Amino acid sequence: MVGRVCGPDFTEPTANFYELGGDSLLAGELMTGLRTEFGVELPMTLVFEAPDMGAFVDDAAGEVTQRGGS
């Protein structure tokens, strides 16, 4: 999902969302894609507060599991 929405550079676990040019519009598109894919509303703060994309994916997966997404 991250690669489809943000591009392949964002799939590196150590990639920094901001350093790669990520902004609130891209974060919104990512959250919309995740909501569509997993049926769970995730807060945009997940991507903003994560130190890198690996941490974001771990946090998002935890939230999906906790909230009962698919």
C-alpha atoms as a PDB file:
ATOM      1  CA  MET A   1       0.000   0.000   0.000  1.00  0.00           C
ATOM      2  CA  VAL A   2       2.746   2.478   0.949  1.00  0.00           C
ATOM      3  CA  GLY A   3       4.582   1.882  -2.323  1.00  0.00           C
ATOM      4  CA  ARG A   4       1.427   2.234  -4.415  1.00  0.00           C
ATOM      5  CA  VAL A   5       0.414   5.523  -2.835  1.00  0.00           C
ATOM      6  CA  CYS A   6       3.733   7.169  -1.975  1.00  0.00           C
ATOM      7  CA  GLY A   7       6.181   5.548  -4.373  1.00  0.00           C
ATOM      8  CA  PRO A   8       8.900   2.909  -4.063  1.00  0.00           C
ATOM      9  CA  ASP A   9      11.355   5.078  -2.113  1.00  0.00           C
ATOM     10  CA  PHE A  10       8.904   5.191   0.789  1.00  0.00           C
ATOM     11  CA  THR A  11       8.991   1.395   1.188  1.00  0.00           C
ATOM     12  CA  GLU A  12      12.503   1.387   2.657  1.00  0.00           C
ATOM     13  CA  PRO A  13      12.126   0.755   6.419  1.00  0.00           C
ATOM     14  CA  THR A  14      14.626   3.509   7.263  1.00  0.00           C
ATOM     15  CA  ALA A  15      13.078   6.058   4.869  1.00  0.00           C
ATOM     16  CA  ASN A  16      11.928   9.291   6.456  1.00  0.00           C
ATOM     17  CA  PHE A  17       8.525  10.489   5.247  1.00  0.00           C
ATOM     18  CA  TYR A  18       9.506  14.175   5.394  1.00  0.00           C
ATOM     19  CA  GLU A  19      12.963  13.789   3.851  1.00  0.00           C
ATOM     20  CA  LEU A  20      11.402  12.075   0.835  1.00  0.00           C
ATOM     21  CA  GLY A  21       9.024  14.984   0.317  1.00  0.00           C
ATOM     22  CA  GLY A  22       6.031  13.644   2.201  1.00  0.00           C
ATOM     23  CA  ASP A  23       3.445  16.232   3.201  1.00  0.00           C
ATOM     24  CA  SER A  24      -0.070  16.359   4.622  1.00  0.00           C
ATOM     25  CA  LEU A  25      -1.676  15.720   1.222  1.00  0.00           C
ATOM     26  CA  LEU A  26       0.355  12.565   0.671  1.00  0.00           C
ATOM     27  CA  ALA A  27      -0.308  11.459   4.254  1.00  0.00           C
ATOM     28  CA  GLY A  28      -4.031  11.926   3.635  1.00  0.00           C
ATOM     29  CA  GLU A  29      -3.871   9.834   0.472  1.00  0.00           C
ATOM     30  CA  LEU A  30      -2.008   7.126   2.375  1.00  0.00           C
ATOM     31  CA  MET A  31      -4.554   7.072   5.192  1.00  0.00           C
ATOM     32  CA  THR A  32      -7.418   6.936   2.667  1.00  0.00           C
ATOM     33  CA  GLY A  33      -5.759   4.005   0.916  1.00  0.00           C
ATOM     34  CA  LEU A  34      -5.267   2.166   4.205  1.00  0.00           C
ATOM     35  CA  ARG A  35      -8.885   2.823   5.206  1.00  0.00           C
ATOM     36  CA  THR A  36     -10.104   1.476   1.870  1.00  0.00           C
ATOM     37  CA  GLU A  37      -7.818  -1.559   2.018  1.00  0.00           C
ATOM     38  CA  PHE A  38      -8.326  -2.535   5.659  1.00  0.00           C
ATOM     39  CA  GLY A  39     -11.632  -0.930   6.615  1.00  0.00           C
ATOM     40  CA  VAL A  40     -10.121   0.940   9.563  1.00  0.00           C
ATOM     41  CA  GLU A  41      -9.767   4.684  10.114  1.00  0.00           C
ATOM     42  CA  LEU A  42      -6.189   5.408  11.206  1.00  0.00           C
ATOM     43  CA  PRO A  43      -5.025   8.763  12.554  1.00  0.00           C
ATOM     44  CA  MET A  44      -2.700  10.744  10.311  1.00  0.00           C
ATOM     45  CA  THR A  45      -0.498  11.320  13.327  1.00  0.00           C
ATOM     46  CA  LEU A  46       0.807   7.772  12.845  1.00  0.00           C
ATOM     47  CA  VAL A  47       2.784   8.805   9.783  1.00  0.00           C
ATOM     48  CA  PHE A  48       3.772  12.204  11.180  1.00  0.00           C
ATOM     49  CA  GLU A  49       5.056  10.861  14.487  1.00  0.00           C
ATOM     50  CA  ALA A  50       6.872   7.776  13.181  1.00  0.00           C
ATOM     51  CA  PRO A  51      10.660   8.237  12.986  1.00  0.00           C
ATOM     52  CA  ASP A  52      10.769   6.222   9.758  1.00  0.00           C
ATOM     53  CA  MET A  53       8.522   4.228   7.445  1.00  0.00           C
ATOM     54  CA  GLY A  54       9.369   0.929   9.158  1.00  0.00           C
ATOM     55  CA  ALA A  55       8.035   2.275  12.444  1.00  0.00           C
ATOM     56  CA  PHE A  56       4.976   3.659  10.656  1.00  0.00           C
ATOM     57  CA  VAL A  57       4.170   0.263   9.115  1.00  0.00           C
ATOM     58  CA  ASP A  58       4.591  -1.460  12.492  1.00  0.00           C
ATOM     59  CA  ASP A  59       2.381   1.119  14.216  1.00  0.00           C
ATOM     60  CA  ALA A  60      -0.260   0.997  11.466  1.00  0.00           C
ATOM     61  CA  ALA A  61      -0.352  -2.817  11.518  1.00  0.00           C
ATOM     62  CA  GLY A  62      -0.821  -2.726  15.276  1.00  0.00           C
ATOM     63  CA  GLU A  63      -3.667  -0.249  14.963  1.00  0.00           C
ATOM     64  CA  VAL A  64      -5.387  -2.311  12.246  1.00  0.00           C
ATOM     65  CA  THR A  65      -5.141  -5.425  14.409  1.00  0.00           C
ATOM     66  CA  GLN A  66      -6.329  -3.604  17.516  1.00  0.00           C
ATOM     67  CA  ARG A  67      -9.273  -2.010  15.745  1.00  0.00           C
ATOM     68  CA  GLY A  68     -10.339  -5.224  14.055  1.00  0.00           C
ATOM     69  CA  GLY A  69      -9.550  -4.357  10.461  1.00  0.00           C
ATOM     70  CA  SER A  70      -9.125  -6.941   7.754  1.00  0.00           C
END
